[in-house]
Amino acid sequence: MTFTIEILHSRALDLLRALESLHMIRLSSGTASAAGEDGKPARTFEAIALDTRGFRFNREEAHER
């Protein structure tokens, strides 16, 4: 059975590691290293870049839509 969890506090990660040492759960390598120093999961932000050179906003055209 597989669950995805969000670790909100570093103490929760410590408890999960203790359960792993008792062979009650198995943490994948990505789960243990995904938490930052403060215990919060690492967050990623992906963005795109648009080339807007030469673009002119036409207000009348926008109102037609």
PDB file of N, CA and C in Angstrom:
ATOM      1  N   MET A   1       0.847  -1.161   0.000  1.00  0.00           N
ATOM      2  CA  MET A   1       0.000   0.000   0.000  1.00  0.00           C
ATOM      3  C   MET A   1       0.897   1.231   0.000  1.00  0.00           C
ATOM      4  N   THR A   2       0.568   2.233  -0.788  1.00  0.00           N
ATOM      5  CA  THR A   2       1.381   3.445  -0.903  1.00  0.00           C
ATOM      6  C   THR A   2       0.553   4.663  -0.529  1.00  0.00           C
ATOM      7  N   PHE A   3       1.127   5.525   0.308  1.00  0.00           N
ATOM      8  CA  PHE A   3       0.502   6.785   0.698  1.00  0.00           C
ATOM      9  C   PHE A   3       1.473   7.922   0.423  1.00  0.00           C
ATOM     10  N   THR A   4       0.945   9.068   0.081  1.00  0.00           N
ATOM     11  CA  THR A   4       1.750  10.275  -0.025  1.00  0.00           C
ATOM     12  C   THR A   4       1.341  11.178   1.125  1.00  0.00           C
ATOM     13  N   ILE A   5       2.314  11.630   1.886  1.00  0.00           N
ATOM     14  CA  ILE A   5       2.010  12.475   3.030  1.00  0.00           C
ATOM     15  C   ILE A   5       2.798  13.768   2.938  1.00  0.00           C
ATOM     16  N   GLU A   6       2.282  14.797   3.570  1.00  0.00           N
ATOM     17  CA  GLU A   6       2.981  16.075   3.664  1.00  0.00           C
ATOM     18  C   GLU A   6       3.442  16.228   5.106  1.00  0.00           C
ATOM     19  N   ILE A   7       4.732  16.351   5.296  1.00  0.00           N
ATOM     20  CA  ILE A   7       5.300  16.459   6.638  1.00  0.00           C
ATOM     21  C   ILE A   7       5.321  17.931   7.028  1.00  0.00           C
ATOM     22  N   LEU A   8       4.593  18.258   8.085  1.00  0.00           N
ATOM     23  CA  LEU A   8       4.457  19.647   8.500  1.00  0.00           C
ATOM     24  C   LEU A   8       5.428  20.041   9.613  1.00  0.00           C
ATOM     25  N   HIS A   9       6.032  19.062  10.254  1.00  0.00           N
ATOM     26  CA  HIS A   9       6.941  19.366  11.363  1.00  0.00           C
ATOM     27  C   HIS A   9       8.054  18.331  11.357  1.00  0.00           C
ATOM     28  N   SER A  10       9.257  18.755  11.720  1.00  0.00           N
ATOM     29  CA  SER A  10      10.404  17.843  11.704  1.00  0.00           C
ATOM     30  C   SER A  10      10.217  16.680  12.672  1.00  0.00           C
ATOM     31  N   ARG A  11       9.447  16.872  13.729  1.00  0.00           N
ATOM     32  CA  ARG A  11       9.198  15.795  14.698  1.00  0.00           C
ATOM     33  C   ARG A  11       8.443  14.640  14.033  1.00  0.00           C
ATOM     34  N   ALA A  12       7.554  14.963  13.100  1.00  0.00           N
ATOM     35  CA  ALA A  12       6.812  13.917  12.388  1.00  0.00           C
ATOM     36  C   ALA A  12       7.768  13.053  11.574  1.00  0.00           C
ATOM     37  N   LEU A  13       8.757  13.661  10.955  1.00  0.00           N
ATOM     38  CA  LEU A  13       9.741  12.900  10.190  1.00  0.00           C
ATOM     39  C   LEU A  13      10.564  12.004  11.119  1.00  0.00           C
ATOM     40  N   ASP A  14      10.897  12.495  12.295  1.00  0.00           N
ATOM     41  CA  ASP A  14      11.623  11.685  13.271  1.00  0.00           C
ATOM     42  C   ASP A  14      10.813  10.456  13.673  1.00  0.00           C
ATOM     43  N   LEU A  15       9.520  10.648  13.868  1.00  0.00           N
ATOM     44  CA  LEU A  15       8.654   9.523  14.234  1.00  0.00           C
ATOM     45  C   LEU A  15       8.566   8.502  13.106  1.00  0.00           C
ATOM     46  N   LEU A  16       8.492   8.982  11.870  1.00  0.00           N
ATOM     47  CA  LEU A  16       8.450   8.064  10.728  1.00  0.00           C
ATOM     48  C   LEU A  16       9.747   7.274  10.612  1.00  0.00           C
ATOM     49  N   ARG A  17      10.857   7.927  10.868  1.00  0.00           N
ATOM     50  CA  ARG A  17      12.143   7.221  10.812  1.00  0.00           C
ATOM     51  C   ARG A  17      12.237   6.174  11.925  1.00  0.00           C
ATOM     52  N   ALA A  18      11.648   6.471  13.094  1.00  0.00           N
ATOM     53  CA  ALA A  18      11.631   5.493  14.184  1.00  0.00           C
ATOM     54  C   ALA A  18      10.797   4.272  13.795  1.00  0.00           C
ATOM     55  N   LEU A  19       9.665   4.499  13.147  1.00  0.00           N
ATOM     56  CA  LEU A  19       8.844   3.381  12.678  1.00  0.00           C
ATOM     57  C   LEU A  19       9.567   2.571  11.614  1.00  0.00           C
ATOM     58  N   GLU A  20      10.349   3.250  10.794  1.00  0.00           N
ATOM     59  CA  GLU A  20      11.117   2.539   9.776  1.00  0.00           C
ATOM     60  C   GLU A  20      12.182   1.653  10.431  1.00  0.00           C
ATOM     61  N   SER A  21      12.807   2.143  11.493  1.00  0.00           N
ATOM     62  CA  SER A  21      13.837   1.342  12.164  1.00  0.00           C
ATOM     63  C   SER A  21      13.237   0.102  12.823  1.00  0.00           C
ATOM     64  N   LEU A  22      11.943   0.147  13.156  1.00  0.00           N
ATOM     65  CA  LEU A  22      11.248  -1.016  13.727  1.00  0.00           C
ATOM     66  C   LEU A  22      10.679  -1.932  12.642  1.00  0.00           C
ATOM     67  N   HIS A  23      10.978  -1.616  11.388  1.00  0.00           N
ATOM     68  CA  HIS A  23      10.507  -2.378  10.224  1.00  0.00           C
ATOM     69  C   HIS A  23       8.982  -2.422  10.148  1.00  0.00           C
ATOM     70  N   MET A  24       8.346  -1.322  10.529  1.00  0.00           N
ATOM     71  CA  MET A  24       6.890  -1.227  10.444  1.00  0.00           C
ATOM     72  C   MET A  24       6.470  -0.486   9.174  1.00  0.00           C
ATOM     73  N   ILE A  25       7.332   0.393   8.683  1.00  0.00           N
ATOM     74  CA  ILE A  25       7.082   1.109   7.437  1.00  0.00           C
ATOM     75  C   ILE A  25       8.385   1.156   6.651  1.00  0.00           C
ATOM     76  N   ARG A  26       8.286   1.496   5.381  1.00  0.00           N
ATOM     77  CA  ARG A  26       9.469   1.681   4.546  1.00  0.00           C
ATOM     78  C   ARG A  26       9.369   3.055   3.899  1.00  0.00           C
ATOM     79  N   LEU A  27      10.376   3.873   4.133  1.00  0.00           N
ATOM     80  CA  LEU A  27      10.438   5.191   3.515  1.00  0.00           C
ATOM     81  C   LEU A  27      11.266   5.085   2.245  1.00  0.00           C
ATOM     82  N   SER A  28      10.737   5.622   1.167  1.00  0.00           N
ATOM     83  CA  SER A  28      11.536   5.639  -0.053  1.00  0.00           C
ATOM     84  C   SER A  28      12.582   6.733   0.072  1.00  0.00           C
ATOM     85  N   SER A  29      13.612   6.663  -0.731  1.00  0.00           N
ATOM     86  CA  SER A  29      14.702   7.639  -0.608  1.00  0.00           C
ATOM     87  C   SER A  29      14.229   9.052  -0.878  1.00  0.00           C
ATOM     88  N   GLY A  30      13.247   9.245  -1.740  1.00  0.00           N
ATOM     89  CA  GLY A  30      12.733  10.579  -2.037  1.00  0.00           C
ATOM     90  C   GLY A  30      11.938  11.166  -0.892  1.00  0.00           C
ATOM     91  N   THR A  31      11.282  10.327  -0.089  1.00  0.00           N
ATOM     92  CA  THR A  31      10.441  10.818   0.998  1.00  0.00           C
ATOM     93  C   THR A  31      11.270  11.446   2.102  1.00  0.00           C
ATOM     94  N   ALA A  32      12.350  10.790   2.496  1.00  0.00           N
ATOM     95  CA  ALA A  32      13.147  11.298   3.613  1.00  0.00           C
ATOM     96  C   ALA A  32      13.910  12.556   3.229  1.00  0.00           C
ATOM     97  N   SER A  33      14.355  12.653   2.001  1.00  0.00           N
ATOM     98  CA  SER A  33      15.148  13.811   1.608  1.00  0.00           C
ATOM     99  C   SER A  33      14.294  14.960   1.086  1.00  0.00           C
ATOM    100  N   ALA A  34      12.978  14.753   0.936  1.00  0.00           N
ATOM    101  CA  ALA A  34      12.115  15.802   0.407  1.00  0.00           C
ATOM    102  C   ALA A  34      11.846  16.892   1.438  1.00  0.00           C
ATOM    103  N   ALA A  35      12.075  16.611   2.706  1.00  0.00           N
ATOM    104  CA  ALA A  35      11.824  17.602   3.741  1.00  0.00           C
ATOM    105  C   ALA A  35      13.027  18.514   3.883  1.00  0.00           C
ATOM    106  N   GLY A  36      12.750  19.773   4.109  1.00  0.00           N
ATOM    107  CA  GLY A  36      13.821  20.739   4.318  1.00  0.00           C
ATOM    108  C   GLY A  36      14.303  20.684   5.750  1.00  0.00           C
ATOM    109  N   GLU A  37      15.180  21.604   6.108  1.00  0.00           N
ATOM    110  CA  GLU A  37      15.719  21.628   7.469  1.00  0.00           C
ATOM    111  C   GLU A  37      14.645  21.923   8.501  1.00  0.00           C
ATOM    112  N   ASP A  38      13.626  22.694   8.118  1.00  0.00           N
ATOM    113  CA  ASP A  38      12.572  23.027   9.062  1.00  0.00           C
ATOM    114  C   ASP A  38      11.471  21.973   9.099  1.00  0.00           C
ATOM    115  N   GLY A  39      11.643  20.863   8.368  1.00  0.00           N
ATOM    116  CA  GLY A  39      10.667  19.793   8.384  1.00  0.00           C
ATOM    117  C   GLY A  39       9.560  19.943   7.363  1.00  0.00           C
ATOM    118  N   LYS A  40       9.511  21.067   6.696  1.00  0.00           N
ATOM    119  CA  LYS A  40       8.482  21.272   5.684  1.00  0.00           C
ATOM    120  C   LYS A  40       8.956  20.676   4.368  1.00  0.00           C
ATOM    121  N   PRO A  41       8.035  20.145   3.591  1.00  0.00           N
ATOM    122  CA  PRO A  41       8.447  19.555   2.319  1.00  0.00           C
ATOM    123  C   PRO A  41       9.006  20.623   1.368  1.00  0.00           C
ATOM    124  N   ALA A  42       9.943  20.206   0.572  1.00  0.00           N
ATOM    125  CA  ALA A  42      10.523  21.132  -0.399  1.00  0.00           C
ATOM    126  C   ALA A  42       9.454  21.502  -1.426  1.00  0.00           C
ATOM    127  N   ARG A  43       9.387  22.745  -1.767  1.00  0.00           N
ATOM    128  CA  ARG A  43       8.393  23.207  -2.737  1.00  0.00           C
ATOM    129  C   ARG A  43       9.099  23.602  -4.017  1.00  0.00           C
ATOM    130  N   THR A  44       8.475  23.271  -5.115  1.00  0.00           N
ATOM    131  CA  THR A  44       9.034  23.641  -6.408  1.00  0.00           C
ATOM    132  C   THR A  44       8.086  24.604  -7.103  1.00  0.00           C
ATOM    133  N   PHE A  45       8.643  25.468  -7.873  1.00  0.00           N
ATOM    134  CA  PHE A  45       7.860  26.419  -8.643  1.00  0.00           C
ATOM    135  C   PHE A  45       8.340  26.354 -10.079  1.00  0.00           C
ATOM    136  N   GLU A  46       7.430  26.030 -10.963  1.00  0.00           N
ATOM    137  CA  GLU A  46       7.788  25.962 -12.371  1.00  0.00           C
ATOM    138  C   GLU A  46       7.048  27.077 -13.106  1.00  0.00           C
ATOM    139  N   ALA A  47       7.756  27.795 -13.927  1.00  0.00           N
ATOM    140  CA  ALA A  47       7.167  28.909 -14.657  1.00  0.00           C
ATOM    141  C   ALA A  47       7.592  28.831 -16.117  1.00  0.00           C
ATOM    142  N   ILE A  48       6.869  29.543 -16.930  1.00  0.00           N
ATOM    143  CA  ILE A  48       7.233  29.611 -18.336  1.00  0.00           C
ATOM    144  C   ILE A  48       7.657  31.040 -18.661  1.00  0.00           C
ATOM    145  N   ALA A  49       8.416  31.187 -19.702  1.00  0.00           N
ATOM    146  CA  ALA A  49       8.839  32.509 -20.152  1.00  0.00           C
ATOM    147  C   ALA A  49       8.215  32.761 -21.517  1.00  0.00           C
ATOM    148  N   LEU A  50       7.579  33.891 -21.666  1.00  0.00           N
ATOM    149  CA  LEU A  50       6.960  34.258 -22.936  1.00  0.00           C
ATOM    150  C   LEU A  50       7.675  35.472 -23.503  1.00  0.00           C
ATOM    151  N   ASP A  51       7.952  35.409 -24.779  1.00  0.00           N
ATOM    152  CA  ASP A  51       8.573  36.545 -25.451  1.00  0.00           C
ATOM    153  C   ASP A  51       7.466  37.504 -25.869  1.00  0.00           C
ATOM    154  N   THR A  52       7.379  38.666 -25.248  1.00  0.00           N
ATOM    155  CA  THR A  52       6.316  39.623 -25.536  1.00  0.00           C
ATOM    156  C   THR A  52       6.824  40.832 -26.322  1.00  0.00           C
ATOM    157  N   ARG A  53       8.031  40.744 -26.835  1.00  0.00           N
ATOM    158  CA  ARG A  53       8.541  41.861 -27.638  1.00  0.00           C
ATOM    159  C   ARG A  53       7.688  42.011 -28.887  1.00  0.00           C
ATOM    160  N   GLY A  54       7.280  43.200 -29.173  1.00  0.00           N
ATOM    161  CA  GLY A  54       6.479  43.479 -30.363  1.00  0.00           C
ATOM    162  C   GLY A  54       4.986  43.279 -30.150  1.00  0.00           C
ATOM    163  N   PHE A  55       4.559  42.826 -28.990  1.00  0.00           N
ATOM    164  CA  PHE A  55       3.133  42.610 -28.726  1.00  0.00           C
ATOM    165  C   PHE A  55       2.495  43.922 -28.315  1.00  0.00           C
ATOM    166  N   ARG A  56       1.357  44.221 -28.923  1.00  0.00           N
ATOM    167  CA  ARG A  56       0.594  45.408 -28.547  1.00  0.00           C
ATOM    168  C   ARG A  56      -0.793  44.958 -28.137  1.00  0.00           C
ATOM    169  N   PHE A  57      -1.207  45.350 -26.937  1.00  0.00           N
ATOM    170  CA  PHE A  57      -2.512  44.992 -26.423  1.00  0.00           C
ATOM    171  C   PHE A  57      -3.572  45.830 -27.119  1.00  0.00           C
ATOM    172  N   ASN A  58      -4.576  45.167 -27.675  1.00  0.00           N
ATOM    173  CA  ASN A  58      -5.680  45.851 -28.336  1.00  0.00           C
ATOM    174  C   ASN A  58      -6.909  45.716 -27.441  1.00  0.00           C
ATOM    175  N   ARG A  59      -7.251  46.785 -26.764  1.00  0.00           N
ATOM    176  CA  ARG A  59      -8.363  46.769 -25.806  1.00  0.00           C
ATOM    177  C   ARG A  59      -9.688  46.448 -26.498  1.00  0.00           C
ATOM    178  N   GLU A  60      -9.908  46.985 -27.676  1.00  0.00           N
ATOM    179  CA  GLU A  60     -11.177  46.740 -28.396  1.00  0.00           C
ATOM    180  C   GLU A  60     -11.296  45.252 -28.751  1.00  0.00           C
ATOM    181  N   GLU A  61     -10.215  44.650 -29.194  1.00  0.00           N
ATOM    182  CA  GLU A  61     -10.244  43.234 -29.523  1.00  0.00           C
ATOM    183  C   GLU A  61     -10.526  42.396 -28.282  1.00  0.00           C
ATOM    184  N   ALA A  62      -9.970  42.791 -27.149  1.00  0.00           N
ATOM    185  CA  ALA A  62     -10.183  42.062 -25.913  1.00  0.00           C
ATOM    186  C   ALA A  62     -11.637  42.151 -25.457  1.00  0.00           C
ATOM    187  N   HIS A  63     -12.275  43.298 -25.671  1.00  0.00           N
ATOM    188  CA  HIS A  63     -13.677  43.456 -25.292  1.00  0.00           C
ATOM    189  C   HIS A  63     -14.588  42.624 -26.183  1.00  0.00           C
ATOM    190  N   GLU A  64     -14.191  42.369 -27.408  1.00  0.00           N
ATOM    191  CA  GLU A  64     -15.015  41.569 -28.318  1.00  0.00           C
ATOM    192  C   GLU A  64     -15.134  40.127 -27.846  1.00  0.00           C
ATOM    193  N   ARG A  65     -14.123  39.636 -27.178  1.00  0.00           N
ATOM    194  CA  ARG A  65     -14.149  38.250 -26.710  1.00  0.00           C
ATOM    195  C   ARG A  65     -15.085  38.144 -25.556  1.00  0.00           C
TER     196      ARG A  65
END
